Every structure is written in structure tokens, then in C-alpha cells.
N, C-alpha and C. Protein backbone atom coordinates (compact mmCIF):
# COMPACT_ATOMS: atom_id res chain seq x y z
N UNK A 1 51.98 18.38 -75.64
CA UNK A 1 51.77 17.71 -76.92
C UNK A 1 53.04 17.05 -77.42
N UNK A 2 54.22 17.65 -77.09
CA UNK A 2 55.47 17.09 -77.56
C UNK A 2 56.58 17.51 -76.64
N UNK A 3 57.60 16.63 -76.49
CA UNK A 3 58.75 16.98 -75.70
C UNK A 3 59.73 17.79 -76.52
N UNK A 4 60.69 18.36 -75.82
CA UNK A 4 61.72 19.13 -76.51
C UNK A 4 62.61 18.18 -77.29
N UNK A 5 62.88 18.47 -78.57
CA UNK A 5 63.68 17.55 -79.37
C UNK A 5 65.13 17.54 -78.91
N UNK A 6 65.80 16.41 -79.09
CA UNK A 6 67.23 16.31 -78.78
C UNK A 6 68.01 16.77 -80.00
N UNK A 7 68.65 17.94 -79.88
CA UNK A 7 69.34 18.54 -81.02
C UNK A 7 70.84 18.63 -80.75
N UNK A 8 71.61 18.55 -81.83
CA UNK A 8 73.07 18.56 -81.73
C UNK A 8 73.65 19.61 -82.67
N UNK A 9 74.74 20.23 -82.23
CA UNK A 9 75.51 21.10 -83.11
C UNK A 9 76.64 20.26 -83.71
N UNK A 10 76.55 20.01 -85.01
CA UNK A 10 77.56 19.21 -85.71
C UNK A 10 78.56 20.16 -86.35
N UNK A 11 79.84 19.93 -86.11
CA UNK A 11 80.88 20.76 -86.70
C UNK A 11 81.70 19.89 -87.65
N UNK A 12 81.67 20.22 -88.93
CA UNK A 12 82.45 19.48 -89.94
C UNK A 12 83.50 20.45 -90.47
N UNK A 13 84.74 20.23 -90.05
CA UNK A 13 85.84 21.16 -90.35
C UNK A 13 87.14 20.37 -90.39
N UNK A 14 87.91 20.51 -91.47
CA UNK A 14 89.13 19.70 -91.60
C UNK A 14 90.35 20.34 -90.93
N UNK A 15 90.23 21.58 -90.48
CA UNK A 15 91.29 22.20 -89.71
C UNK A 15 91.11 21.82 -88.24
N UNK A 16 92.06 21.08 -87.70
CA UNK A 16 91.92 20.55 -86.34
C UNK A 16 91.69 21.64 -85.30
N UNK A 17 92.51 22.69 -85.35
CA UNK A 17 92.40 23.75 -84.35
C UNK A 17 91.06 24.47 -84.46
N UNK A 18 90.64 24.73 -85.69
CA UNK A 18 89.37 25.42 -85.91
C UNK A 18 88.21 24.56 -85.43
N UNK A 19 88.27 23.28 -85.76
CA UNK A 19 87.20 22.36 -85.37
C UNK A 19 87.06 22.31 -83.84
N UNK A 20 88.18 22.20 -83.15
CA UNK A 20 88.14 22.13 -81.69
C UNK A 20 87.67 23.44 -81.09
N UNK A 21 88.11 24.56 -81.67
CA UNK A 21 87.72 25.86 -81.13
C UNK A 21 86.22 26.10 -81.27
N UNK A 22 85.67 25.77 -82.43
CA UNK A 22 84.24 25.94 -82.65
C UNK A 22 83.46 24.99 -81.74
N UNK A 23 83.95 23.76 -81.63
CA UNK A 23 83.28 22.80 -80.76
C UNK A 23 83.26 23.25 -79.31
N UNK A 24 84.39 23.76 -78.81
CA UNK A 24 84.45 24.24 -77.44
C UNK A 24 83.52 25.42 -77.22
N UNK A 25 83.49 26.33 -78.18
CA UNK A 25 82.64 27.51 -78.07
C UNK A 25 81.17 27.11 -77.98
N UNK A 26 80.74 26.20 -78.84
CA UNK A 26 79.33 25.80 -78.85
C UNK A 26 78.98 24.96 -77.63
N UNK A 27 79.92 24.16 -77.16
CA UNK A 27 79.67 23.38 -75.95
C UNK A 27 79.50 24.31 -74.75
N UNK A 28 80.34 25.34 -74.66
CA UNK A 28 80.22 26.32 -73.57
C UNK A 28 78.92 27.11 -73.66
N UNK A 29 78.35 27.16 -74.87
CA UNK A 29 77.07 27.86 -75.06
C UNK A 29 75.88 26.98 -74.72
N UNK A 30 76.17 25.74 -74.31
CA UNK A 30 75.10 24.86 -73.84
C UNK A 30 74.62 23.83 -74.83
N UNK A 31 75.29 23.69 -75.97
CA UNK A 31 74.84 22.75 -76.99
C UNK A 31 75.55 21.41 -76.85
N UNK A 32 74.85 20.34 -77.22
CA UNK A 32 75.50 19.06 -77.43
C UNK A 32 76.27 19.16 -78.74
N UNK A 33 77.53 18.77 -78.74
CA UNK A 33 78.39 19.00 -79.90
C UNK A 33 78.99 17.69 -80.38
N UNK A 34 79.08 17.55 -81.71
CA UNK A 34 79.76 16.41 -82.32
C UNK A 34 80.68 16.94 -83.40
N UNK A 35 81.93 16.48 -83.41
CA UNK A 35 82.94 17.01 -84.32
C UNK A 35 83.35 15.97 -85.37
N UNK A 36 83.54 16.45 -86.61
CA UNK A 36 83.94 15.57 -87.70
C UNK A 36 84.97 16.28 -88.56
N UNK A 37 85.98 15.53 -88.99
CA UNK A 37 87.05 16.11 -89.80
C UNK A 37 86.71 16.13 -91.28
N UNK A 38 85.70 15.37 -91.69
CA UNK A 38 85.32 15.37 -93.10
C UNK A 38 83.85 15.00 -93.24
N UNK A 39 83.32 15.28 -94.41
CA UNK A 39 81.89 15.07 -94.66
C UNK A 39 81.52 13.59 -94.69
N UNK A 40 82.41 12.76 -95.21
CA UNK A 40 82.11 11.34 -95.35
C UNK A 40 81.83 10.70 -93.99
N UNK A 41 82.65 11.02 -93.01
CA UNK A 41 82.45 10.44 -91.67
C UNK A 41 81.17 10.97 -91.03
N UNK A 42 80.86 12.22 -91.26
CA UNK A 42 79.61 12.77 -90.74
C UNK A 42 78.42 12.01 -91.31
N UNK A 43 78.39 11.83 -92.61
CA UNK A 43 77.28 11.13 -93.26
C UNK A 43 77.18 9.68 -92.81
N UNK A 44 78.33 9.05 -92.59
CA UNK A 44 78.34 7.65 -92.18
C UNK A 44 77.85 7.49 -90.74
N UNK A 45 78.23 8.40 -89.87
CA UNK A 45 77.93 8.25 -88.45
C UNK A 45 76.61 8.87 -88.03
N UNK A 46 76.09 9.80 -88.84
CA UNK A 46 74.84 10.47 -88.47
C UNK A 46 73.85 10.38 -89.64
N UNK A 47 73.17 9.25 -89.78
CA UNK A 47 72.25 9.08 -90.92
C UNK A 47 71.04 10.01 -90.88
N UNK A 48 70.62 10.42 -89.68
CA UNK A 48 69.47 11.32 -89.54
C UNK A 48 69.81 12.46 -88.59
N UNK A 49 70.61 13.41 -89.05
CA UNK A 49 71.02 14.52 -88.17
C UNK A 49 69.83 15.41 -87.78
N UNK A 50 69.86 15.88 -86.54
CA UNK A 50 68.83 16.77 -86.03
C UNK A 50 69.52 17.88 -85.24
N UNK A 51 69.47 19.08 -85.79
CA UNK A 51 70.11 20.20 -85.11
C UNK A 51 70.69 21.18 -86.09
N UNK A 52 71.92 21.59 -85.85
CA UNK A 52 72.58 22.58 -86.70
C UNK A 52 73.92 22.02 -87.18
N UNK A 53 74.16 22.15 -88.47
CA UNK A 53 75.42 21.72 -89.07
C UNK A 53 76.25 22.96 -89.39
N UNK A 54 77.40 23.07 -88.72
CA UNK A 54 78.37 24.13 -89.02
C UNK A 54 79.45 23.49 -89.87
N UNK A 55 79.53 23.88 -91.13
CA UNK A 55 80.40 23.16 -92.06
C UNK A 55 81.28 24.12 -92.85
N UNK A 56 82.54 23.73 -92.99
CA UNK A 56 83.47 24.52 -93.81
C UNK A 56 83.09 24.36 -95.28
N UNK A 57 83.17 25.42 -96.00
CA UNK A 57 82.81 25.38 -97.42
C UNK A 57 83.76 24.49 -98.21
N UNK A 58 85.05 24.66 -97.95
CA UNK A 58 86.06 23.91 -98.71
C UNK A 58 86.73 22.87 -97.82
N UNK A 59 86.17 21.68 -97.84
CA UNK A 59 86.71 20.57 -97.06
C UNK A 59 87.59 19.69 -97.93
N UNK A 60 88.47 18.93 -97.31
CA UNK A 60 89.21 17.92 -98.05
C UNK A 60 88.24 16.80 -98.40
N UNK A 61 88.29 16.33 -99.62
CA UNK A 61 87.33 15.32 -100.05
C UNK A 61 86.04 15.99 -100.48
N UNK A 62 84.94 15.52 -99.93
CA UNK A 62 83.64 16.08 -100.27
C UNK A 62 83.53 17.52 -99.76
N UNK A 63 83.13 18.44 -100.63
CA UNK A 63 83.02 19.84 -100.24
C UNK A 63 81.79 20.08 -99.37
N UNK A 64 81.79 21.25 -98.73
CA UNK A 64 80.63 21.61 -97.93
C UNK A 64 79.37 21.73 -98.75
N UNK A 65 79.48 22.26 -99.95
CA UNK A 65 78.31 22.39 -100.83
C UNK A 65 77.78 21.02 -101.23
N UNK A 66 78.69 20.08 -101.47
CA UNK A 66 78.26 18.72 -101.84
C UNK A 66 77.58 18.06 -100.65
N UNK A 67 78.10 18.30 -99.46
CA UNK A 67 77.48 17.75 -98.26
C UNK A 67 76.07 18.33 -98.09
N UNK A 68 75.93 19.62 -98.36
CA UNK A 68 74.61 20.24 -98.28
C UNK A 68 73.62 19.54 -99.21
N UNK A 69 74.06 19.20 -100.40
CA UNK A 69 73.20 18.50 -101.35
C UNK A 69 72.79 17.13 -100.81
N UNK A 70 73.70 16.48 -100.09
CA UNK A 70 73.43 15.14 -99.57
C UNK A 70 72.35 15.15 -98.49
N UNK A 71 72.32 16.22 -97.71
CA UNK A 71 71.35 16.27 -96.59
C UNK A 71 70.15 17.14 -96.92
N UNK A 72 70.10 17.65 -98.14
CA UNK A 72 69.00 18.53 -98.54
C UNK A 72 67.66 17.81 -98.37
N UNK A 73 66.68 18.53 -97.86
CA UNK A 73 65.37 17.95 -97.65
C UNK A 73 65.12 17.57 -96.21
N UNK A 74 66.17 17.58 -95.39
CA UNK A 74 66.03 17.29 -93.96
C UNK A 74 65.65 18.58 -93.24
N UNK A 75 64.36 18.73 -92.94
CA UNK A 75 63.88 19.96 -92.30
C UNK A 75 64.35 20.08 -90.86
N UNK A 76 64.86 18.98 -90.30
CA UNK A 76 65.33 19.00 -88.92
C UNK A 76 66.82 19.34 -88.82
N UNK A 77 67.39 19.87 -89.90
CA UNK A 77 68.80 20.25 -89.90
C UNK A 77 68.97 21.63 -90.54
N UNK A 78 69.49 22.57 -89.76
CA UNK A 78 69.82 23.90 -90.29
C UNK A 78 71.32 23.92 -90.59
N UNK A 79 71.70 24.58 -91.69
CA UNK A 79 73.10 24.56 -92.12
C UNK A 79 73.70 25.96 -92.09
N UNK A 80 74.87 26.05 -91.46
CA UNK A 80 75.63 27.30 -91.42
C UNK A 80 76.99 27.02 -92.05
N UNK A 81 77.32 27.76 -93.09
CA UNK A 81 78.63 27.61 -93.73
C UNK A 81 79.63 28.58 -93.12
N UNK A 82 80.87 28.12 -92.98
CA UNK A 82 81.98 29.00 -92.63
C UNK A 82 83.04 28.82 -93.71
N UNK A 83 83.68 29.91 -94.08
CA UNK A 83 84.64 29.84 -95.18
C UNK A 83 85.75 30.86 -94.96
N UNK A 84 86.95 30.48 -95.39
CA UNK A 84 88.07 31.40 -95.32
C UNK A 84 88.09 32.38 -96.46
N UNK A 85 87.20 32.17 -97.43
CA UNK A 85 87.14 33.04 -98.61
C UNK A 85 85.72 33.56 -98.80
N UNK A 86 85.59 34.85 -99.02
CA UNK A 86 84.27 35.45 -99.24
C UNK A 86 83.88 35.29 -100.70
N UNK A 87 83.54 34.07 -101.08
CA UNK A 87 83.19 33.76 -102.47
C UNK A 87 81.69 34.00 -102.66
N UNK A 88 81.36 35.05 -103.41
CA UNK A 88 79.96 35.43 -103.58
C UNK A 88 79.16 34.35 -104.28
N UNK A 89 79.73 33.76 -105.32
CA UNK A 89 79.00 32.73 -106.07
C UNK A 89 78.68 31.53 -105.19
N UNK A 90 79.66 31.08 -104.40
CA UNK A 90 79.43 29.95 -103.51
C UNK A 90 78.41 30.28 -102.43
N UNK A 91 78.49 31.50 -101.90
CA UNK A 91 77.56 31.89 -100.85
C UNK A 91 76.13 31.97 -101.38
N UNK A 92 75.98 32.48 -102.59
CA UNK A 92 74.66 32.56 -103.21
C UNK A 92 74.11 31.15 -103.45
N UNK A 93 74.96 30.25 -103.93
CA UNK A 93 74.54 28.88 -104.18
C UNK A 93 74.10 28.21 -102.88
N UNK A 94 74.87 28.43 -101.83
CA UNK A 94 74.55 27.82 -100.54
C UNK A 94 73.23 28.35 -99.99
N UNK A 95 73.03 29.66 -100.07
CA UNK A 95 71.81 30.25 -99.53
C UNK A 95 70.59 29.85 -100.35
N UNK A 96 70.74 29.77 -101.67
CA UNK A 96 69.63 29.34 -102.52
C UNK A 96 69.21 27.91 -102.19
N UNK A 97 70.18 27.10 -101.78
CA UNK A 97 69.89 25.71 -101.45
C UNK A 97 69.36 25.55 -100.03
N UNK A 98 69.19 26.67 -99.34
CA UNK A 98 68.55 26.61 -98.02
C UNK A 98 69.43 26.80 -96.82
N UNK A 99 70.69 27.19 -97.01
CA UNK A 99 71.56 27.43 -95.86
C UNK A 99 71.01 28.56 -95.00
N UNK A 100 71.20 28.44 -93.70
CA UNK A 100 70.72 29.47 -92.79
C UNK A 100 71.62 30.69 -92.81
N UNK A 101 72.94 30.47 -92.92
CA UNK A 101 73.88 31.58 -92.88
C UNK A 101 75.18 31.19 -93.57
N UNK A 102 75.96 32.21 -93.93
CA UNK A 102 77.26 32.00 -94.58
C UNK A 102 78.22 32.97 -93.91
N UNK A 103 79.14 32.44 -93.12
CA UNK A 103 80.04 33.28 -92.32
C UNK A 103 81.47 33.15 -92.83
N UNK A 104 82.19 34.27 -92.83
CA UNK A 104 83.56 34.28 -93.33
C UNK A 104 84.53 34.30 -92.15
N UNK A 105 85.53 33.42 -92.21
CA UNK A 105 86.57 33.37 -91.18
C UNK A 105 87.44 34.62 -91.25
N UNK A 106 87.96 35.08 -90.14
CA UNK A 106 87.69 34.61 -88.78
C UNK A 106 86.28 35.04 -88.33
N UNK A 107 85.54 34.10 -87.79
CA UNK A 107 84.17 34.37 -87.38
C UNK A 107 84.16 34.85 -85.93
N UNK A 108 83.51 35.97 -85.67
CA UNK A 108 83.38 36.45 -84.30
C UNK A 108 82.53 35.45 -83.50
N UNK A 109 82.98 35.19 -82.28
CA UNK A 109 82.34 34.17 -81.46
C UNK A 109 80.85 34.42 -81.29
N UNK A 110 80.46 35.65 -80.97
CA UNK A 110 79.05 35.93 -80.70
C UNK A 110 78.20 35.76 -81.96
N UNK A 111 78.77 36.10 -83.11
CA UNK A 111 78.02 35.94 -84.36
C UNK A 111 77.73 34.46 -84.61
N UNK A 112 78.71 33.61 -84.37
CA UNK A 112 78.51 32.17 -84.56
C UNK A 112 77.52 31.62 -83.53
N UNK A 113 77.66 32.06 -82.30
CA UNK A 113 76.74 31.62 -81.25
C UNK A 113 75.31 31.99 -81.61
N UNK A 114 75.11 33.23 -82.06
CA UNK A 114 73.76 33.69 -82.42
C UNK A 114 73.22 32.92 -83.61
N UNK A 115 74.09 32.64 -84.59
CA UNK A 115 73.65 31.92 -85.79
C UNK A 115 73.21 30.50 -85.43
N UNK A 116 73.97 29.83 -84.57
CA UNK A 116 73.62 28.47 -84.17
C UNK A 116 72.33 28.48 -83.35
N UNK A 117 72.17 29.47 -82.47
CA UNK A 117 70.94 29.58 -81.69
C UNK A 117 69.73 29.76 -82.60
N UNK A 118 69.89 30.58 -83.64
CA UNK A 118 68.79 30.79 -84.60
C UNK A 118 68.47 29.50 -85.33
N UNK A 119 69.52 28.73 -85.67
CA UNK A 119 69.30 27.46 -86.34
C UNK A 119 68.57 26.47 -85.45
N UNK A 120 68.94 26.42 -84.19
CA UNK A 120 68.28 25.52 -83.25
C UNK A 120 66.81 25.89 -83.10
N UNK A 121 66.52 27.19 -83.06
CA UNK A 121 65.13 27.62 -82.93
C UNK A 121 64.33 27.27 -84.18
N UNK A 122 64.94 27.41 -85.35
CA UNK A 122 64.23 27.04 -86.58
C UNK A 122 63.87 25.55 -86.57
N UNK A 123 64.83 24.71 -86.19
CA UNK A 123 64.58 23.28 -86.16
C UNK A 123 63.52 22.93 -85.11
N UNK A 124 63.58 23.62 -83.97
CA UNK A 124 62.58 23.38 -82.92
C UNK A 124 61.18 23.73 -83.40
N UNK A 125 61.07 24.80 -84.18
CA UNK A 125 59.77 25.19 -84.73
C UNK A 125 59.24 24.12 -85.68
N UNK A 126 60.12 23.56 -86.49
CA UNK A 126 59.71 22.48 -87.39
C UNK A 126 59.23 21.28 -86.58
N UNK A 127 59.96 20.97 -85.53
CA UNK A 127 59.58 19.84 -84.67
C UNK A 127 58.21 20.08 -84.04
N UNK A 128 57.98 21.29 -83.54
CA UNK A 128 56.70 21.59 -82.91
C UNK A 128 55.56 21.50 -83.92
N UNK A 129 55.80 21.97 -85.14
CA UNK A 129 54.77 21.91 -86.18
C UNK A 129 54.47 20.46 -86.53
N UNK A 130 55.50 19.63 -86.63
CA UNK A 130 55.30 18.22 -86.94
C UNK A 130 54.52 17.52 -85.82
N UNK A 131 54.85 17.89 -84.58
CA UNK A 131 54.17 17.27 -83.44
C UNK A 131 52.70 17.66 -83.42
N UNK A 132 52.40 18.93 -83.71
CA UNK A 132 51.01 19.37 -83.77
C UNK A 132 50.25 18.62 -84.86
N UNK A 133 50.89 18.48 -86.02
CA UNK A 133 50.26 17.77 -87.13
C UNK A 133 49.96 16.32 -86.74
N UNK A 134 50.92 15.68 -86.07
CA UNK A 134 50.73 14.29 -85.65
C UNK A 134 49.58 14.17 -84.66
N UNK A 135 49.48 15.17 -83.75
CA UNK A 135 48.40 15.15 -82.76
C UNK A 135 47.04 15.35 -83.44
N UNK A 136 46.99 16.25 -84.42
CA UNK A 136 45.74 16.47 -85.16
C UNK A 136 45.31 15.18 -85.87
N UNK A 137 46.28 14.53 -86.52
CA UNK A 137 45.99 13.30 -87.25
C UNK A 137 45.54 12.20 -86.30
N UNK A 138 46.18 12.09 -85.14
CA UNK A 138 45.81 11.07 -84.17
C UNK A 138 44.39 11.29 -83.66
N UNK A 139 44.04 12.56 -83.42
CA UNK A 139 42.69 12.88 -82.97
C UNK A 139 41.65 12.52 -84.02
N UNK A 140 41.97 12.83 -85.27
CA UNK A 140 41.04 12.55 -86.36
C UNK A 140 40.85 11.06 -86.54
N UNK A 141 41.92 10.28 -86.37
CA UNK A 141 41.82 8.83 -86.52
C UNK A 141 40.91 8.22 -85.46
N UNK A 142 40.72 8.90 -84.35
CA UNK A 142 39.86 8.40 -83.28
C UNK A 142 38.38 8.64 -83.56
N UNK A 143 38.05 9.48 -84.52
CA UNK A 143 36.66 9.82 -84.79
C UNK A 143 35.92 8.68 -85.49
N UNK A 144 34.66 8.53 -85.17
CA UNK A 144 33.80 7.60 -85.91
C UNK A 144 33.42 8.24 -87.23
N UNK A 145 32.84 7.45 -88.13
CA UNK A 145 32.43 7.99 -89.42
C UNK A 145 31.41 9.12 -89.23
N UNK A 146 30.48 8.95 -88.30
CA UNK A 146 29.48 9.98 -88.04
C UNK A 146 30.13 11.25 -87.51
N UNK A 147 31.11 11.09 -86.65
CA UNK A 147 31.81 12.26 -86.08
C UNK A 147 32.62 12.98 -87.15
N UNK A 148 33.22 12.21 -88.06
CA UNK A 148 33.99 12.84 -89.14
C UNK A 148 33.07 13.64 -90.06
N UNK A 149 31.90 13.08 -90.33
CA UNK A 149 30.94 13.80 -91.17
C UNK A 149 30.55 15.13 -90.52
N UNK A 150 30.24 15.08 -89.26
CA UNK A 150 29.83 16.29 -88.53
C UNK A 150 30.98 17.27 -88.39
N UNK A 151 32.21 16.76 -88.26
CA UNK A 151 33.38 17.62 -88.09
C UNK A 151 33.50 18.63 -89.23
N UNK A 152 33.26 18.16 -90.45
CA UNK A 152 33.36 19.06 -91.59
C UNK A 152 32.36 20.20 -91.53
N UNK A 153 31.13 19.88 -91.12
CA UNK A 153 30.10 20.92 -91.02
C UNK A 153 30.41 21.89 -89.87
N UNK A 154 30.86 21.35 -88.74
CA UNK A 154 31.19 22.20 -87.59
C UNK A 154 32.33 23.15 -87.96
N UNK A 155 33.33 22.63 -88.65
CA UNK A 155 34.47 23.46 -89.05
C UNK A 155 34.05 24.60 -89.96
N UNK A 156 32.97 24.40 -90.72
CA UNK A 156 32.47 25.45 -91.61
C UNK A 156 31.49 26.38 -90.92
N UNK A 157 31.30 26.17 -89.61
CA UNK A 157 30.47 27.09 -88.85
C UNK A 157 28.99 26.76 -88.79
N UNK A 158 28.63 25.55 -89.22
CA UNK A 158 27.21 25.18 -89.21
C UNK A 158 26.74 24.94 -87.78
N UNK A 159 25.49 25.28 -87.51
CA UNK A 159 24.88 25.02 -86.21
C UNK A 159 24.29 23.62 -86.18
N UNK A 160 23.99 23.15 -84.96
CA UNK A 160 23.49 21.77 -84.79
C UNK A 160 22.22 21.52 -85.61
N UNK A 161 21.32 22.50 -85.60
CA UNK A 161 20.06 22.33 -86.32
C UNK A 161 20.30 22.21 -87.82
N UNK A 162 21.22 23.01 -88.34
CA UNK A 162 21.54 22.95 -89.77
C UNK A 162 22.14 21.60 -90.13
N UNK A 163 23.03 21.11 -89.27
CA UNK A 163 23.67 19.81 -89.52
C UNK A 163 22.63 18.69 -89.46
N UNK A 164 21.72 18.78 -88.50
CA UNK A 164 20.67 17.78 -88.36
C UNK A 164 19.81 17.72 -89.62
N UNK A 165 19.41 18.88 -90.13
CA UNK A 165 18.60 18.93 -91.36
C UNK A 165 19.35 18.36 -92.55
N UNK A 166 20.67 18.62 -92.60
CA UNK A 166 21.48 18.17 -93.73
C UNK A 166 21.72 16.66 -93.69
N UNK A 167 21.95 16.12 -92.49
CA UNK A 167 22.35 14.71 -92.37
C UNK A 167 21.19 13.77 -92.06
N UNK A 168 20.05 14.33 -91.68
CA UNK A 168 18.91 13.49 -91.33
C UNK A 168 18.96 12.94 -89.91
N UNK A 169 19.92 13.43 -89.13
CA UNK A 169 20.02 13.01 -87.74
C UNK A 169 19.20 13.96 -86.87
N UNK A 170 18.89 13.51 -85.65
CA UNK A 170 18.19 14.42 -84.74
C UNK A 170 19.19 15.45 -84.22
N UNK A 171 18.66 16.58 -83.79
CA UNK A 171 19.52 17.64 -83.30
C UNK A 171 20.29 17.19 -82.06
N UNK A 172 19.64 16.38 -81.21
CA UNK A 172 20.31 15.89 -80.01
C UNK A 172 21.46 14.95 -80.36
N UNK A 173 21.25 14.12 -81.39
CA UNK A 173 22.33 13.22 -81.84
C UNK A 173 23.51 14.01 -82.35
N UNK A 174 23.22 15.05 -83.11
CA UNK A 174 24.29 15.91 -83.62
C UNK A 174 25.04 16.55 -82.47
N UNK A 175 24.30 16.99 -81.47
CA UNK A 175 24.92 17.64 -80.31
C UNK A 175 25.88 16.69 -79.60
N UNK A 176 25.47 15.42 -79.45
CA UNK A 176 26.32 14.43 -78.79
C UNK A 176 27.57 14.15 -79.62
N UNK A 177 27.38 13.92 -80.93
CA UNK A 177 28.52 13.67 -81.82
C UNK A 177 29.48 14.85 -81.83
N UNK A 178 28.92 16.03 -81.84
CA UNK A 178 29.74 17.26 -81.89
C UNK A 178 30.62 17.34 -80.64
N UNK A 179 30.03 17.12 -79.48
CA UNK A 179 30.78 17.21 -78.22
C UNK A 179 31.90 16.18 -78.18
N UNK A 180 31.60 14.94 -78.58
CA UNK A 180 32.61 13.90 -78.57
C UNK A 180 33.73 14.19 -79.57
N UNK A 181 33.33 14.68 -80.73
CA UNK A 181 34.30 14.97 -81.77
C UNK A 181 35.26 16.08 -81.34
N UNK A 182 34.72 17.16 -80.77
CA UNK A 182 35.57 18.27 -80.34
C UNK A 182 36.51 17.86 -79.21
N UNK A 183 36.04 16.97 -78.35
CA UNK A 183 36.88 16.48 -77.26
C UNK A 183 38.04 15.65 -77.80
N UNK A 184 37.76 14.76 -78.74
CA UNK A 184 38.81 13.93 -79.33
C UNK A 184 39.83 14.77 -80.09
N UNK A 185 39.35 15.79 -80.76
CA UNK A 185 40.24 16.65 -81.53
C UNK A 185 40.92 17.71 -80.66
N UNK A 186 40.48 17.83 -79.41
CA UNK A 186 41.00 18.85 -78.49
C UNK A 186 40.89 20.24 -79.12
N UNK A 187 39.75 20.47 -79.75
CA UNK A 187 39.49 21.75 -80.41
C UNK A 187 38.52 22.58 -79.55
N UNK A 188 38.89 23.81 -79.28
CA UNK A 188 38.06 24.65 -78.43
C UNK A 188 37.03 25.47 -79.17
N UNK A 189 37.10 25.48 -80.50
CA UNK A 189 36.18 26.28 -81.29
C UNK A 189 36.12 25.74 -82.71
N UNK A 190 35.06 26.10 -83.48
CA UNK A 190 35.00 25.69 -84.88
C UNK A 190 36.20 26.16 -85.69
N UNK A 191 36.68 27.37 -85.38
CA UNK A 191 37.85 27.88 -86.12
C UNK A 191 39.08 27.03 -85.84
N UNK A 192 39.27 26.65 -84.58
CA UNK A 192 40.42 25.80 -84.24
C UNK A 192 40.29 24.45 -84.92
N UNK A 193 39.08 23.91 -84.96
CA UNK A 193 38.84 22.65 -85.64
C UNK A 193 39.14 22.77 -87.14
N UNK A 194 38.70 23.87 -87.74
CA UNK A 194 38.96 24.11 -89.15
C UNK A 194 40.46 24.13 -89.43
N UNK A 195 41.21 24.80 -88.57
CA UNK A 195 42.67 24.88 -88.72
C UNK A 195 43.29 23.49 -88.68
N UNK A 196 42.82 22.66 -87.75
CA UNK A 196 43.35 21.30 -87.62
C UNK A 196 43.03 20.46 -88.84
N UNK A 197 41.79 20.52 -89.30
CA UNK A 197 41.39 19.69 -90.45
C UNK A 197 42.11 20.12 -91.72
N UNK A 198 42.33 21.42 -91.87
CA UNK A 198 43.09 21.88 -93.04
C UNK A 198 44.55 21.41 -92.97
N UNK A 199 45.09 21.42 -91.76
CA UNK A 199 46.49 21.03 -91.58
C UNK A 199 46.75 19.59 -91.99
N UNK A 200 45.75 18.73 -91.77
CA UNK A 200 45.94 17.30 -92.13
C UNK A 200 45.31 16.96 -93.47
N UNK A 201 44.81 17.97 -94.16
CA UNK A 201 44.35 17.77 -95.53
C UNK A 201 43.00 17.15 -95.70
N UNK A 202 42.14 17.21 -94.67
CA UNK A 202 40.79 16.63 -94.83
C UNK A 202 39.73 17.71 -95.00
N UNK A 203 40.17 18.96 -95.04
CA UNK A 203 39.24 20.06 -95.30
C UNK A 203 39.94 21.04 -96.20
N UNK A 204 39.42 21.21 -97.40
CA UNK A 204 40.07 22.08 -98.38
C UNK A 204 39.62 23.52 -98.18
N UNK A 205 40.44 24.45 -98.65
CA UNK A 205 40.04 25.84 -98.66
C UNK A 205 38.87 26.02 -99.61
N UNK A 206 37.97 26.96 -99.29
CA UNK A 206 36.81 27.18 -100.17
C UNK A 206 37.26 27.54 -101.57
């Protein structure tokens, strides 16, 4: 249904040695890595980031928290803060705004590796959900008006005879429409069809 998304580990850190060390660690862990010394260059060069952002809380220029606000709403980006100071207020603010983790320097290598892996998995899950939604919508767009009408009844568990009586169609016609509709939607059961139709907003909860 969908290919694996191309994801990057972005490191935004104004300490040169720290930035290179984190970048090397994540590259050795198998990630595509991009390094930035400040938030402004990251925003300028990556308008639609996809992956995990490892960002220092206190950067020169735009702070890490301000950068988080700039990219807020991008479900394809998980954010991990690193900071030399264990500031509870800042960490609470970051987590409330959706950060995946808040790590205090010096960060143990395995802890950072695990945090980035968790972020990549979260973003991959979002990608898979979006791909499923797109596939459901594409299937629904292929349906004829008659098939869409029948889809709603099938999703609610109605039998062919009941649908025929309700719509004024013959039972055989309903059977044909039903088969074509389920094939286009790639739905193996009425429950699966119901799940798909709810996901794209064409079937409301009772």
C-alpha cells in the first residue's frame, strides 16, 4: 500500500564538537543525518522535515523551544531536546508542546540512539496511517453512486435482501454492486469496510 518513508535525523546544535559527535553516532546507527549549527539555517534548508529533530534547548539566535513552535503541527517530525541544564519548566513546556523526549547532557549514547529510534517509529506509524487513509479515499472515489449507496448498508451489516428492499433494486443487482464495491475498496468484510468508511468520514458513528 505504501513504501517506506525517507526519514532523516536532523541535529541542530551550536556546539561544533557536540553536533559532530551526535551526527556520527546517529549515522553509525544507520540513519541519514543532516547537521545544522542554528535553527534559522535548518528552517531555511528543510521546509518540510520528515524524521527526527535532535535540537539543543539553548541555541544561539532562535532557541530550541522557538524552533519547536515553528515546526509545530508537522506530524512527520518527532522532536528530541538535549540540554546542558535540567530546567524543569523548559522541559515541561517542551513536552506539553509535543516533544518526544528531553535529555540532559551528557547524554548516554544508547539512550539517544533509543530515543531517535522511537521517534523514527512514531513518524513511520503516522506515514502508514496517512497511506492507509489515502488508499481508502482512492478506493471510495472509484465507486459509482449506486455502489456508494450500497457501501453504507453493507458497512452496517445489512444483507443483500434487506438492501434490495430498501433501495428498490433486485437482490441480484445488489449482489453485483456489493462484489464490485468490496473489490474496489479492498475490504474483506463488512467490519473492515465500516472501518475504512469511518476513517475517511463518510460513515458516522451511530
